[in-house]
Amino acid sequence: MNIAIVGATGLVGRKIIKLCEEFFDTSVEFQLFASKTSEGKILSVNDKDLPIKELNIRNIEPCDIALFSAGGVRSKEYANEFVDRGAFVIDNSSTFRMNDDIPLVVYGINENTINEKTKIIANPNCTTMALVMALKPLHDIFKLVGIVPVSYQAVSGSGKDAVESLNNELLNLQNSGSAPDEKYYKTQIAKNVIPVAGNMTENGYTDEEMKFSNESKKILNIPNLIVEPSNARVGVETGHGIFCSATFEEDVDVDKAIESINLFEGVEYWANDFPTPVDAEGNRNIFVSRMRSGLSSNKILNFWAVGDNLLKGAALNAVQIASYIQKNDIYSR
């Protein structure tokens, strides 16, 4: 088996490499791709030193699976080039997520939508991923009707440059009392909350908020799900948190809801404490807490969820999908 990692030097790409070392044995071969500035640099995978290749058509060779985490522009330009050479493409960008003929997969929820014909598989938005992992077991017993999710998103969701900007701002605030003039976001993010995550759209919502709405409906297979999303960017490095108010067809039982959460693989309920982004960082599970019934209706359930946006929110889910393809002999090579 041969796996290509596209965007190998990025925050998510480096985590993909580490996870591949765990999920795949040493018989699996790897190709590493990044931008021209990284060409020729060496990264180790399963104790093998591999050179990074510039992502261009000339350098693309046949492989079984290509894990893309290099941004939407590169996915749009190169994903089908890998498919044409026989690969399954698992893409972390938003490029293919809402295509009707491309599955939007959260491992543990709907990996059964993958087959030998689904040559491109979309990885959902990191915030959506954490939310639907918490919602799926609840939907299975109470039947979901609508959600009002509010997310608090870490800067690593914007990439390495955003993390560097946060750290520079913190250093400047400590040394001089003010943030530097050059910032990744339009305003200071260090020690701050920005009530916008993503880019504004014509309807007044951000693209991140629209991902919340559109992707949740597709993953959970609830086309008529009512979603009223709001997203904020917060001055922490890693870990997306979400408050969600969910409405169901049936009256909810909090104890039964908590039990369903704890029985669902990949989700963990904290009964006696509340998890924060600090707790989530480096952990593979989505943590849920503060589950309570609504004040105005017995059909409402309110809760807090938090997860590492670089792991289950991106790299882990992609590698889990790749492992699923391998274990089920879906790839043809």
C-alpha atoms as a PDB file:
ATOM      1  CA  MET A   1       0.000   0.000   0.000  1.00  0.00           C
ATOM      2  CA  ASN A   2       1.190   3.493  -0.828  1.00  0.00           C
ATOM      3  CA  ILE A   3      -0.105   6.666   0.850  1.00  0.00           C
ATOM      4  CA  ALA A   4       0.532  10.251  -0.231  1.00  0.00           C
ATOM      5  CA  ILE A   5       0.335  13.042   2.347  1.00  0.00           C
ATOM      6  CA  VAL A   6      -0.322  16.380   0.665  1.00  0.00           C
ATOM      7  CA  GLY A   7       0.462  19.343   2.894  1.00  0.00           C
ATOM      8  CA  ALA A   8       2.875  17.316   4.997  1.00  0.00           C
ATOM      9  CA  THR A   9       4.549  20.299   6.678  1.00  0.00           C
ATOM     10  CA  GLY A  10       1.381  21.992   7.968  1.00  0.00           C
ATOM     11  CA  LEU A  11      -0.182  21.732  11.420  1.00  0.00           C
ATOM     12  CA  VAL A  12      -2.586  19.016  10.308  1.00  0.00           C
ATOM     13  CA  GLY A  13      -0.127  17.354   7.936  1.00  0.00           C
ATOM     14  CA  ARG A  14       2.418  16.732  10.675  1.00  0.00           C
ATOM     15  CA  LYS A  15      -0.253  15.185  12.876  1.00  0.00           C
ATOM     16  CA  ILE A  16      -1.350  12.997   9.969  1.00  0.00           C
ATOM     17  CA  ILE A  17       2.210  11.675   9.716  1.00  0.00           C
ATOM     18  CA  LYS A  18       2.314  10.781  13.419  1.00  0.00           C
ATOM     19  CA  LEU A  19      -1.066   9.064  13.250  1.00  0.00           C
ATOM     20  CA  CYS A  20      -0.106   7.123  10.120  1.00  0.00           C
ATOM     21  CA  GLU A  21       2.859   5.714  12.020  1.00  0.00           C
ATOM     22  CA  GLU A  22       0.384   4.319  14.532  1.00  0.00           C
ATOM     23  CA  PHE A  23      -2.361   3.146  12.179  1.00  0.00           C
ATOM     24  CA  PHE A  24      -0.216   1.590   9.432  1.00  0.00           C
ATOM     25  CA  ASP A  25       2.648  -0.876   9.684  1.00  0.00           C
ATOM     26  CA  THR A  26       6.086  -0.437   8.187  1.00  0.00           C
ATOM     27  CA  SER A  27       5.119  -2.231   4.962  1.00  0.00           C
ATOM     28  CA  VAL A  28       3.114   0.837   3.906  1.00  0.00           C
ATOM     29  CA  GLU A  29       5.048   3.276   1.730  1.00  0.00           C
ATOM     30  CA  PHE A  30       4.597   7.034   1.909  1.00  0.00           C
ATOM     31  CA  GLN A  31       5.013  10.033  -0.378  1.00  0.00           C
ATOM     32  CA  LEU A  32       5.188  13.533   1.097  1.00  0.00           C
ATOM     33  CA  PHE A  33       4.095  16.680  -0.737  1.00  0.00           C
ATOM     34  CA  ALA A  34       4.200  20.352   0.208  1.00  0.00           C
ATOM     35  CA  SER A  35       4.923  23.720  -1.389  1.00  0.00           C
ATOM     36  CA  LYS A  36       8.054  24.537  -3.374  1.00  0.00           C
ATOM     37  CA  THR A  37       9.648  26.192  -0.319  1.00  0.00           C
ATOM     38  CA  SER A  38       9.693  22.818   1.464  1.00  0.00           C
ATOM     39  CA  GLU A  39      10.948  20.778  -1.484  1.00  0.00           C
ATOM     40  CA  GLY A  40      13.882  18.556  -0.569  1.00  0.00           C
ATOM     41  CA  LYS A  41      13.420  18.833   3.174  1.00  0.00           C
ATOM     42  CA  ILE A  42      13.403  15.532   5.026  1.00  0.00           C
ATOM     43  CA  LEU A  43      10.668  14.198   7.296  1.00  0.00           C
ATOM     44  CA  SER A  44      10.669  10.824   9.013  1.00  0.00           C
ATOM     45  CA  VAL A  45       7.783   8.365   8.690  1.00  0.00           C
ATOM     46  CA  ASN A  46       8.074   5.022  10.490  1.00  0.00           C
ATOM     47  CA  ASP A  47      11.807   5.665  10.950  1.00  0.00           C
ATOM     48  CA  LYS A  48      12.301   6.208   7.227  1.00  0.00           C
ATOM     49  CA  ASP A  49      13.655   9.570   6.089  1.00  0.00           C
ATOM     50  CA  LEU A  50      11.585  10.800   3.166  1.00  0.00           C
ATOM     51  CA  PRO A  51      12.174  13.852   0.972  1.00  0.00           C
ATOM     52  CA  ILE A  52       9.343  16.310   0.514  1.00  0.00           C
ATOM     53  CA  LYS A  53       8.268  16.760  -3.089  1.00  0.00           C
ATOM     54  CA  GLU A  54       6.793  19.925  -4.506  1.00  0.00           C
ATOM     55  CA  LEU A  55       3.123  19.454  -5.308  1.00  0.00           C
ATOM     56  CA  ASN A  56       2.886  19.614  -9.092  1.00  0.00           C
ATOM     57  CA  ILE A  57       1.590  17.341 -11.833  1.00  0.00           C
ATOM     58  CA  ARG A  58       5.086  16.218 -12.768  1.00  0.00           C
ATOM     59  CA  ASN A  59       5.755  14.804  -9.293  1.00  0.00           C
ATOM     60  CA  ILE A  60       2.463  12.948  -8.808  1.00  0.00           C
ATOM     61  CA  GLU A  61       2.905   9.188  -8.905  1.00  0.00           C
ATOM     62  CA  PRO A  62       0.341   6.388  -8.482  1.00  0.00           C
ATOM     63  CA  CYS A  63      -0.733   5.685  -4.907  1.00  0.00           C
ATOM     64  CA  ASP A  64      -3.636   4.026  -3.108  1.00  0.00           C
ATOM     65  CA  ILE A  65      -4.704   6.865  -0.816  1.00  0.00           C
ATOM     66  CA  ALA A  66      -3.908  10.582  -0.856  1.00  0.00           C
ATOM     67  CA  LEU A  67      -4.517  12.540   2.335  1.00  0.00           C
ATOM     68  CA  PHE A  68      -4.998  16.211   1.415  1.00  0.00           C
ATOM     69  CA  SER A  69      -4.493  19.005   3.933  1.00  0.00           C
ATOM     70  CA  ALA A  70      -3.095  21.782   1.766  1.00  0.00           C
ATOM     71  CA  GLY A  71      -6.030  24.155   1.345  1.00  0.00           C
ATOM     72  CA  GLY A  72      -8.949  24.332  -1.040  1.00  0.00           C
ATOM     73  CA  VAL A  73      -7.068  25.792  -4.003  1.00  0.00           C
ATOM     74  CA  ARG A  74      -4.659  22.855  -4.139  1.00  0.00           C
ATOM     75  CA  SER A  75      -7.433  20.334  -3.552  1.00  0.00           C
ATOM     76  CA  LYS A  76      -9.401  21.743  -6.452  1.00  0.00           C
ATOM     77  CA  GLU A  77      -6.358  21.682  -8.713  1.00  0.00           C
ATOM     78  CA  TYR A  78      -4.759  18.367  -7.777  1.00  0.00           C
ATOM     79  CA  ALA A  79      -7.264  15.996  -6.132  1.00  0.00           C
ATOM     80  CA  ASN A  80      -8.520  14.600  -9.413  1.00  0.00           C
ATOM     81  CA  GLU A  81      -4.951  14.226 -10.663  1.00  0.00           C
ATOM     82  CA  PHE A  82      -4.400  11.715  -7.854  1.00  0.00           C
ATOM     83  CA  VAL A  83      -7.747  10.049  -8.581  1.00  0.00           C
ATOM     84  CA  ASP A  84      -6.761   9.674 -12.238  1.00  0.00           C
ATOM     85  CA  ARG A  85      -3.664   7.811 -11.058  1.00  0.00           C
ATOM     86  CA  GLY A  86      -5.723   5.356  -9.017  1.00  0.00           C
ATOM     87  CA  ALA A  87      -5.940   6.961  -5.577  1.00  0.00           C
ATOM     88  CA  PHE A  88      -8.702   7.490  -3.085  1.00  0.00           C
ATOM     89  CA  VAL A  89      -8.489  11.130  -2.004  1.00  0.00           C
ATOM     90  CA  ILE A  90      -9.445  12.140   1.545  1.00  0.00           C
ATOM     91  CA  ASP A  91      -9.677  15.917   1.506  1.00  0.00           C
ATOM     92  CA  ASN A  92      -9.607  18.230   4.526  1.00  0.00           C
ATOM     93  CA  SER A  93     -10.687  21.355   2.663  1.00  0.00           C
ATOM     94  CA  SER A  94     -14.242  22.542   2.033  1.00  0.00           C
ATOM     95  CA  THR A  95     -13.883  22.111  -1.738  1.00  0.00           C
ATOM     96  CA  PHE A  96     -15.910  18.920  -2.150  1.00  0.00           C
ATOM     97  CA  ARG A  97     -17.986  18.744   1.027  1.00  0.00           C
ATOM     98  CA  MET A  98     -21.348  19.711  -0.392  1.00  0.00           C
ATOM     99  CA  ASN A  99     -21.036  17.846  -3.701  1.00  0.00           C
ATOM    100  CA  ASP A 100     -23.987  15.450  -3.890  1.00  0.00           C
ATOM    101  CA  ASP A 101     -21.901  12.576  -5.225  1.00  0.00           C
ATOM    102  CA  ILE A 102     -19.075  12.939  -2.682  1.00  0.00           C
ATOM    103  CA  PRO A 103     -19.527  11.530   0.836  1.00  0.00           C
ATOM    104  CA  LEU A 104     -18.885  13.830   3.791  1.00  0.00           C
ATOM    105  CA  VAL A 105     -17.597  11.364   6.339  1.00  0.00           C
ATOM    106  CA  VAL A 106     -17.168  11.342  10.091  1.00  0.00           C
ATOM    107  CA  TYR A 107     -15.629   8.044  11.114  1.00  0.00           C
ATOM    108  CA  GLY A 108     -17.927   6.495  13.691  1.00  0.00           C
ATOM    109  CA  ILE A 109     -21.049   8.003  12.136  1.00  0.00           C
ATOM    110  CA  ASN A 110     -21.280   7.406   8.391  1.00  0.00           C
ATOM    111  CA  GLU A 111     -18.163   5.677   7.082  1.00  0.00           C
ATOM    112  CA  ASN A 112     -20.506   3.139   5.462  1.00  0.00           C
ATOM    113  CA  THR A 113     -21.107   5.727   2.715  1.00  0.00           C
ATOM    114  CA  ILE A 114     -17.625   4.903   1.368  1.00  0.00           C
ATOM    115  CA  ASN A 115     -17.320   2.361  -1.431  1.00  0.00           C
ATOM    116  CA  GLU A 116     -15.042   1.579  -4.353  1.00  0.00           C
ATOM    117  CA  LYS A 117     -16.721   4.300  -6.445  1.00  0.00           C
ATOM    118  CA  THR A 118     -16.310   7.153  -3.943  1.00  0.00           C
ATOM    119  CA  LYS A 119     -12.833   8.124  -5.046  1.00  0.00           C
ATOM    120  CA  ILE A 120     -12.985  11.510  -3.314  1.00  0.00           C
ATOM    121  CA  ILE A 121     -14.066  11.608   0.330  1.00  0.00           C
ATOM    122  CA  ALA A 122     -14.546  14.908   2.120  1.00  0.00           C
ATOM    123  CA  ASN A 123     -13.440  15.493   5.708  1.00  0.00           C
ATOM    124  CA  PRO A 124     -15.885  17.838   7.502  1.00  0.00           C
ATOM    125  CA  ASN A 125     -15.133  21.170   9.107  1.00  0.00           C
ATOM    126  CA  CYS A 126     -13.382  20.739  12.452  1.00  0.00           C
ATOM    127  CA  THR A 127     -16.141  22.422  14.462  1.00  0.00           C
ATOM    128  CA  THR A 128     -18.896  20.484  12.722  1.00  0.00           C
ATOM    129  CA  MET A 129     -17.022  17.278  13.499  1.00  0.00           C
ATOM    130  CA  ALA A 130     -17.067  17.868  17.252  1.00  0.00           C
ATOM    131  CA  LEU A 131     -20.720  18.869  17.190  1.00  0.00           C
ATOM    132  CA  VAL A 132     -22.073  15.911  15.210  1.00  0.00           C
ATOM    133  CA  MET A 133     -20.097  13.421  17.314  1.00  0.00           C
ATOM    134  CA  ALA A 134     -22.021  14.698  20.336  1.00  0.00           C
ATOM    135  CA  LEU A 135     -25.346  14.911  18.495  1.00  0.00           C
ATOM    136  CA  LYS A 136     -25.395  11.499  16.790  1.00  0.00           C
ATOM    137  CA  PRO A 137     -26.094   9.345  19.884  1.00  0.00           C
ATOM    138  CA  LEU A 138     -28.719  11.849  21.032  1.00  0.00           C
ATOM    139  CA  HIS A 139     -30.403  11.855  17.616  1.00  0.00           C
ATOM    140  CA  ASP A 140     -30.524   8.059  17.630  1.00  0.00           C
ATOM    141  CA  ILE A 141     -32.812   8.015  20.672  1.00  0.00           C
ATOM    142  CA  PHE A 142     -34.663  11.355  20.670  1.00  0.00           C
ATOM    143  CA  LYS A 143     -34.787  12.305  16.926  1.00  0.00           C
ATOM    144  CA  LEU A 144     -33.173  15.676  16.282  1.00  0.00           C
ATOM    145  CA  VAL A 145     -35.256  18.570  14.936  1.00  0.00           C
ATOM    146  CA  GLY A 146     -33.099  21.670  15.346  1.00  0.00           C
ATOM    147  CA  ILE A 147     -29.929  23.061  16.896  1.00  0.00           C
ATOM    148  CA  VAL A 148     -28.601  26.424  18.023  1.00  0.00           C
ATOM    149  CA  PRO A 149     -24.815  25.924  18.183  1.00  0.00           C
ATOM    150  CA  VAL A 150     -22.393  28.631  19.314  1.00  0.00           C
ATOM    151  CA  SER A 151     -18.714  27.835  18.789  1.00  0.00           C
ATOM    152  CA  TYR A 152     -15.561  29.242  20.358  1.00  0.00           C
ATOM    153  CA  GLN A 153     -12.825  28.409  17.879  1.00  0.00           C
ATOM    154  CA  ALA A 154      -9.091  28.257  18.519  1.00  0.00           C
ATOM    155  CA  VAL A 155      -6.650  30.054  16.240  1.00  0.00           C
ATOM    156  CA  SER A 156      -4.977  26.843  15.035  1.00  0.00           C
ATOM    157  CA  GLY A 157      -8.104  26.344  12.942  1.00  0.00           C
ATOM    158  CA  SER A 158      -6.744  29.165  10.781  1.00  0.00           C
ATOM    159  CA  GLY A 159      -3.317  27.543  10.355  1.00  0.00           C
ATOM    160  CA  LYS A 160       0.317  28.048  11.342  1.00  0.00           C
ATOM    161  CA  ASP A 161       0.401  31.767  10.563  1.00  0.00           C
ATOM    162  CA  ALA A 162      -2.491  32.420  12.943  1.00  0.00           C
ATOM    163  CA  VAL A 163      -0.789  30.496  15.746  1.00  0.00           C
ATOM    164  CA  GLU A 164       2.427  32.435  15.180  1.00  0.00           C
ATOM    165  CA  SER A 165       0.477  35.698  15.254  1.00  0.00           C
ATOM    166  CA  LEU A 166      -1.181  34.762  18.551  1.00  0.00           C
ATOM    167  CA  ASN A 167       2.165  33.965  20.150  1.00  0.00           C
ATOM    168  CA  ASN A 168       3.715  37.187  18.836  1.00  0.00           C
ATOM    169  CA  GLU A 169       0.820  39.206  20.208  1.00  0.00           C
ATOM    170  CA  LEU A 170       1.123  37.575  23.623  1.00  0.00           C
ATOM    171  CA  LEU A 171       4.858  38.283  23.685  1.00  0.00           C
ATOM    172  CA  ASN A 172       4.378  41.913  22.675  1.00  0.00           C
ATOM    173  CA  LEU A 173       1.630  42.415  25.237  1.00  0.00           C
ATOM    174  CA  GLN A 174       3.925  41.058  27.924  1.00  0.00           C
ATOM    175  CA  ASN A 175       6.921  43.144  26.872  1.00  0.00           C
ATOM    176  CA  SER A 176       5.375  46.414  25.731  1.00  0.00           C
ATOM    177  CA  GLY A 177       1.755  46.318  26.812  1.00  0.00           C
ATOM    178  CA  SER A 178       0.375  46.459  23.268  1.00  0.00           C
ATOM    179  CA  ALA A 179      -0.150  44.067  20.389  1.00  0.00           C
ATOM    180  CA  PRO A 180       2.044  44.411  17.272  1.00  0.00           C
ATOM    181  CA  ASP A 181       0.717  46.290  14.257  1.00  0.00           C
ATOM    182  CA  GLU A 182       0.983  43.216  12.048  1.00  0.00           C
ATOM    183  CA  LYS A 183      -1.697  40.698  12.982  1.00  0.00           C
ATOM    184  CA  TYR A 184      -3.231  37.657  11.294  1.00  0.00           C
ATOM    185  CA  TYR A 185      -6.767  38.750  12.133  1.00  0.00           C
ATOM    186  CA  LYS A 186      -8.216  42.212  11.649  1.00  0.00           C
ATOM    187  CA  THR A 187      -7.999  42.866  15.356  1.00  0.00           C
ATOM    188  CA  GLN A 188      -6.008  41.572  18.312  1.00  0.00           C
ATOM    189  CA  ILE A 189      -6.777  37.923  19.144  1.00  0.00           C
ATOM    190  CA  ALA A 190      -4.499  37.513  22.175  1.00  0.00           C
ATOM    191  CA  LYS A 191      -6.541  37.796  25.392  1.00  0.00           C
ATOM    192  CA  ASN A 192      -9.555  38.520  23.228  1.00  0.00           C
ATOM    193  CA  VAL A 193     -12.680  37.104  21.574  1.00  0.00           C
ATOM    194  CA  ILE A 194     -13.560  38.058  18.000  1.00  0.00           C
ATOM    195  CA  PRO A 195     -17.275  37.578  17.181  1.00  0.00           C
ATOM    196  CA  VAL A 196     -16.426  36.432  13.656  1.00  0.00           C
ATOM    197  CA  ALA A 197     -14.818  33.137  12.636  1.00  0.00           C
ATOM    198  CA  GLY A 198     -14.343  32.785   8.907  1.00  0.00           C
ATOM    199  CA  ASN A 199     -15.373  35.102   6.096  1.00  0.00           C
ATOM    200  CA  MET A 200     -18.592  37.083   5.981  1.00  0.00           C
ATOM    201  CA  THR A 201     -21.167  36.066   3.372  1.00  0.00           C
ATOM    202  CA  GLU A 202     -24.008  38.012   1.793  1.00  0.00           C
ATOM    203  CA  ASN A 203     -26.606  36.684   4.245  1.00  0.00           C
ATOM    204  CA  GLY A 204     -24.755  38.100   7.255  1.00  0.00           C
ATOM    205  CA  TYR A 205     -23.429  34.734   8.397  1.00  0.00           C
ATOM    206  CA  THR A 206     -19.818  33.635   8.037  1.00  0.00           C
ATOM    207  CA  ASP A 207     -18.760  30.752   5.838  1.00  0.00           C
ATOM    208  CA  GLU A 208     -17.826  28.886   9.035  1.00  0.00           C
ATOM    209  CA  GLU A 209     -21.376  29.293  10.322  1.00  0.00           C
ATOM    210  CA  MET A 210     -22.823  28.080   7.037  1.00  0.00           C
ATOM    211  CA  LYS A 211     -20.564  25.017   7.218  1.00  0.00           C
ATOM    212  CA  PHE A 212     -22.097  24.296  10.620  1.00  0.00           C
ATOM    213  CA  SER A 213     -25.543  24.329   9.038  1.00  0.00           C
ATOM    214  CA  ASN A 214     -24.960  22.604   5.709  1.00  0.00           C
ATOM    215  CA  GLU A 215     -22.509  19.951   6.861  1.00  0.00           C
ATOM    216  CA  SER A 216     -24.509  18.891   9.930  1.00  0.00           C
ATOM    217  CA  LYS A 217     -27.541  18.207   7.748  1.00  0.00           C
ATOM    218  CA  LYS A 218     -25.526  16.109   5.305  1.00  0.00           C
ATOM    219  CA  ILE A 219     -23.560  14.074   7.854  1.00  0.00           C
ATOM    220  CA  LEU A 220     -26.564  13.277  10.054  1.00  0.00           C
ATOM    221  CA  ASN A 221     -28.785  12.786   6.990  1.00  0.00           C
ATOM    222  CA  ILE A 222     -31.415  15.232   8.277  1.00  0.00           C
ATOM    223  CA  PRO A 223     -32.109  17.525   5.298  1.00  0.00           C
ATOM    224  CA  ASN A 224     -34.749  19.540   7.162  1.00  0.00           C
ATOM    225  CA  LEU A 225     -32.672  20.085  10.301  1.00  0.00           C
ATOM    226  CA  ILE A 226     -33.090  23.628  11.618  1.00  0.00           C
ATOM    227  CA  VAL A 227     -29.685  25.182  12.350  1.00  0.00           C
ATOM    228  CA  GLU A 228     -29.125  28.665  13.809  1.00  0.00           C
ATOM    229  CA  PRO A 229     -25.318  28.934  14.140  1.00  0.00           C
ATOM    230  CA  SER A 230     -22.955  31.529  15.603  1.00  0.00           C
ATOM    231  CA  ASN A 231     -19.163  31.284  15.693  1.00  0.00           C
ATOM    232  CA  ALA A 232     -16.463  33.251  17.508  1.00  0.00           C
ATOM    233  CA  ARG A 233     -12.661  33.120  17.385  1.00  0.00           C
ATOM    234  CA  VAL A 234     -10.983  32.989  20.800  1.00  0.00           C
ATOM    235  CA  GLY A 235      -7.411  33.608  21.875  1.00  0.00           C
ATOM    236  CA  VAL A 236      -6.401  30.021  22.581  1.00  0.00           C
ATOM    237  CA  GLU A 237      -4.119  27.934  20.395  1.00  0.00           C
ATOM    238  CA  THR A 238      -5.919  24.588  20.148  1.00  0.00           C
ATOM    239  CA  GLY A 239      -9.358  23.227  20.979  1.00  0.00           C
ATOM    240  CA  HIS A 240     -12.769  24.240  19.669  1.00  0.00           C
ATOM    241  CA  GLY A 241     -15.613  24.536  22.183  1.00  0.00           C
ATOM    242  CA  ILE A 242     -19.332  24.537  21.392  1.00  0.00           C
ATOM    243  CA  PHE A 243     -22.420  25.361  23.394  1.00  0.00           C
ATOM    244  CA  CYS A 244     -25.413  23.715  21.733  1.00  0.00           C
ATOM    245  CA  SER A 245     -29.131  23.894  22.381  1.00  0.00           C
ATOM    246  CA  ALA A 246     -30.772  20.942  20.627  1.00  0.00           C
ATOM    247  CA  THR A 247     -34.480  20.367  20.068  1.00  0.00           C
ATOM    248  CA  PHE A 248     -35.884  16.866  19.552  1.00  0.00           C
ATOM    249  CA  GLU A 249     -39.145  15.235  18.484  1.00  0.00           C
ATOM    250  CA  GLU A 250     -39.404  13.362  21.774  1.00  0.00           C
ATOM    251  CA  ASP A 251     -39.138  14.484  25.382  1.00  0.00           C
ATOM    252  CA  VAL A 252     -35.548  14.155  26.528  1.00  0.00           C
ATOM    253  CA  ASP A 253     -34.273  12.248  29.531  1.00  0.00           C
ATOM    254  CA  VAL A 254     -30.954  13.691  30.707  1.00  0.00           C
ATOM    255  CA  ASP A 255     -29.758  10.450  32.322  1.00  0.00           C
ATOM    256  CA  LYS A 256     -30.539   8.482  29.178  1.00  0.00           C
ATOM    257  CA  ALA A 257     -28.811  11.158  27.085  1.00  0.00           C
ATOM    258  CA  ILE A 258     -25.646  10.945  29.184  1.00  0.00           C
ATOM    259  CA  GLU A 259     -25.696   7.158  28.980  1.00  0.00           C
ATOM    260  CA  SER A 260     -25.964   7.310  25.186  1.00  0.00           C
ATOM    261  CA  ILE A 261     -23.001   9.697  25.044  1.00  0.00           C
ATOM    262  CA  ASN A 262     -20.821   7.381  27.119  1.00  0.00           C
ATOM    263  CA  LEU A 263     -21.736   4.366  24.993  1.00  0.00           C
ATOM    264  CA  PHE A 264     -20.783   6.143  21.765  1.00  0.00           C
ATOM    265  CA  GLU A 265     -17.177   5.502  20.733  1.00  0.00           C
ATOM    266  CA  GLY A 266     -15.135   8.677  20.473  1.00  0.00           C
ATOM    267  CA  VAL A 267     -17.255  10.731  22.875  1.00  0.00           C
ATOM    268  CA  GLU A 268     -16.848  11.025  26.644  1.00  0.00           C
ATOM    269  CA  TYR A 269     -19.132  12.664  29.195  1.00  0.00           C
ATOM    270  CA  TRP A 270     -17.651  14.557  32.135  1.00  0.00           C
ATOM    271  CA  ALA A 271     -20.162  14.263  34.973  1.00  0.00           C
ATOM    272  CA  ASN A 272     -18.320  15.985  37.795  1.00  0.00           C
ATOM    273  CA  ASP A 273     -16.275  18.585  35.960  1.00  0.00           C
ATOM    274  CA  PHE A 274     -16.294  20.616  32.764  1.00  0.00           C
ATOM    275  CA  PRO A 275     -13.712  20.076  30.004  1.00  0.00           C
ATOM    276  CA  THR A 276     -11.931  23.031  28.418  1.00  0.00           C
ATOM    277  CA  PRO A 277      -9.785  23.413  25.289  1.00  0.00           C
ATOM    278  CA  VAL A 278      -6.735  22.764  27.476  1.00  0.00           C
ATOM    279  CA  ASP A 279      -8.192  19.379  28.434  1.00  0.00           C
ATOM    280  CA  ALA A 280      -9.106  18.570  24.840  1.00  0.00           C
ATOM    281  CA  GLU A 281      -5.696  19.344  23.338  1.00  0.00           C
ATOM    282  CA  GLY A 282      -3.945  16.107  22.426  1.00  0.00           C
ATOM    283  CA  ASN A 283      -6.993  13.955  23.198  1.00  0.00           C
ATOM    284  CA  ARG A 284      -8.852  11.994  20.555  1.00  0.00           C
ATOM    285  CA  ASN A 285     -12.280  11.982  22.170  1.00  0.00           C
ATOM    286  CA  ILE A 286     -14.869  14.719  22.023  1.00  0.00           C
ATOM    287  CA  PHE A 287     -15.665  15.759  25.598  1.00  0.00           C
ATOM    288  CA  VAL A 288     -19.231  16.659  26.606  1.00  0.00           C
ATOM    289  CA  SER A 289     -20.500  18.205  29.839  1.00  0.00           C
ATOM    290  CA  ARG A 290     -23.138  20.465  31.390  1.00  0.00           C
ATOM    291  CA  MET A 291     -25.997  18.482  29.868  1.00  0.00           C
ATOM    292  CA  ARG A 292     -29.349  19.807  31.059  1.00  0.00           C
ATOM    293  CA  SER A 293     -32.937  19.910  29.892  1.00  0.00           C
ATOM    294  CA  GLY A 294     -34.405  23.116  28.527  1.00  0.00           C
ATOM    295  CA  LEU A 295     -36.097  25.675  30.747  1.00  0.00           C
ATOM    296  CA  SER A 296     -38.924  26.198  28.266  1.00  0.00           C
ATOM    297  CA  SER A 297     -39.478  22.703  26.859  1.00  0.00           C
ATOM    298  CA  ASN A 298     -38.885  19.055  27.762  1.00  0.00           C
ATOM    299  CA  LYS A 299     -37.824  18.503  24.161  1.00  0.00           C
ATOM    300  CA  ILE A 300     -34.737  20.736  24.510  1.00  0.00           C
ATOM    301  CA  LEU A 301     -31.311  19.548  25.633  1.00  0.00           C
ATOM    302  CA  ASN A 302     -28.440  21.966  26.265  1.00  0.00           C
ATOM    303  CA  PHE A 303     -24.792  20.923  26.510  1.00  0.00           C
ATOM    304  CA  TRP A 304     -21.140  21.898  26.094  1.00  0.00           C
ATOM    305  CA  ALA A 305     -18.748  19.997  23.806  1.00  0.00           C
ATOM    306  CA  VAL A 306     -15.044  20.493  23.168  1.00  0.00           C
ATOM    307  CA  GLY A 307     -12.473  18.734  21.007  1.00  0.00           C
ATOM    308  CA  ASP A 308      -8.974  19.028  19.583  1.00  0.00           C
ATOM    309  CA  ASN A 309      -9.606  20.631  16.201  1.00  0.00           C
ATOM    310  CA  LEU A 310      -6.347  19.253  14.785  1.00  0.00           C
ATOM    311  CA  LEU A 311      -7.060  15.644  15.807  1.00  0.00           C
ATOM    312  CA  LYS A 312     -10.648  14.369  15.497  1.00  0.00           C
ATOM    313  CA  GLY A 313     -11.415  17.697  13.873  1.00  0.00           C
ATOM    314  CA  ALA A 314      -8.981  17.000  11.042  1.00  0.00           C
ATOM    315  CA  ALA A 315      -6.008  14.598  11.069  1.00  0.00           C
ATOM    316  CA  LEU A 316      -7.444  11.744  13.137  1.00  0.00           C
ATOM    317  CA  ASN A 317     -10.671  11.513  11.173  1.00  0.00           C
ATOM    318  CA  ALA A 318      -8.771  11.490   7.873  1.00  0.00           C
ATOM    319  CA  VAL A 319      -6.447   8.702   9.020  1.00  0.00           C
ATOM    320  CA  GLN A 320      -9.360   6.722  10.468  1.00  0.00           C
ATOM    321  CA  ILE A 321     -11.027   6.891   7.050  1.00  0.00           C
ATOM    322  CA  ALA A 322      -7.809   5.772   5.345  1.00  0.00           C
ATOM    323  CA  SER A 323      -7.513   2.856   7.763  1.00  0.00           C
ATOM    324  CA  TYR A 324     -11.134   1.921   7.092  1.00  0.00           C
ATOM    325  CA  ILE A 325     -10.452   1.835   3.346  1.00  0.00           C
ATOM    326  CA  GLN A 326      -7.447  -0.417   3.912  1.00  0.00           C
ATOM    327  CA  LYS A 327      -9.075  -2.808   6.388  1.00  0.00           C
ATOM    328  CA  ASN A 328     -12.157  -3.262   4.234  1.00  0.00           C
ATOM    329  CA  ASP A 329     -10.142  -3.809   1.037  1.00  0.00           C
ATOM    330  CA  ILE A 330     -11.985  -0.981  -0.696  1.00  0.00           C
ATOM    331  CA  TYR A 331      -8.913   0.147  -2.602  1.00  0.00           C
ATOM    332  CA  SER A 332      -8.197  -1.866  -5.735  1.00  0.00           C
ATOM    333  CA  ARG A 333      -4.420  -2.010  -5.870  1.00  0.00           C
END
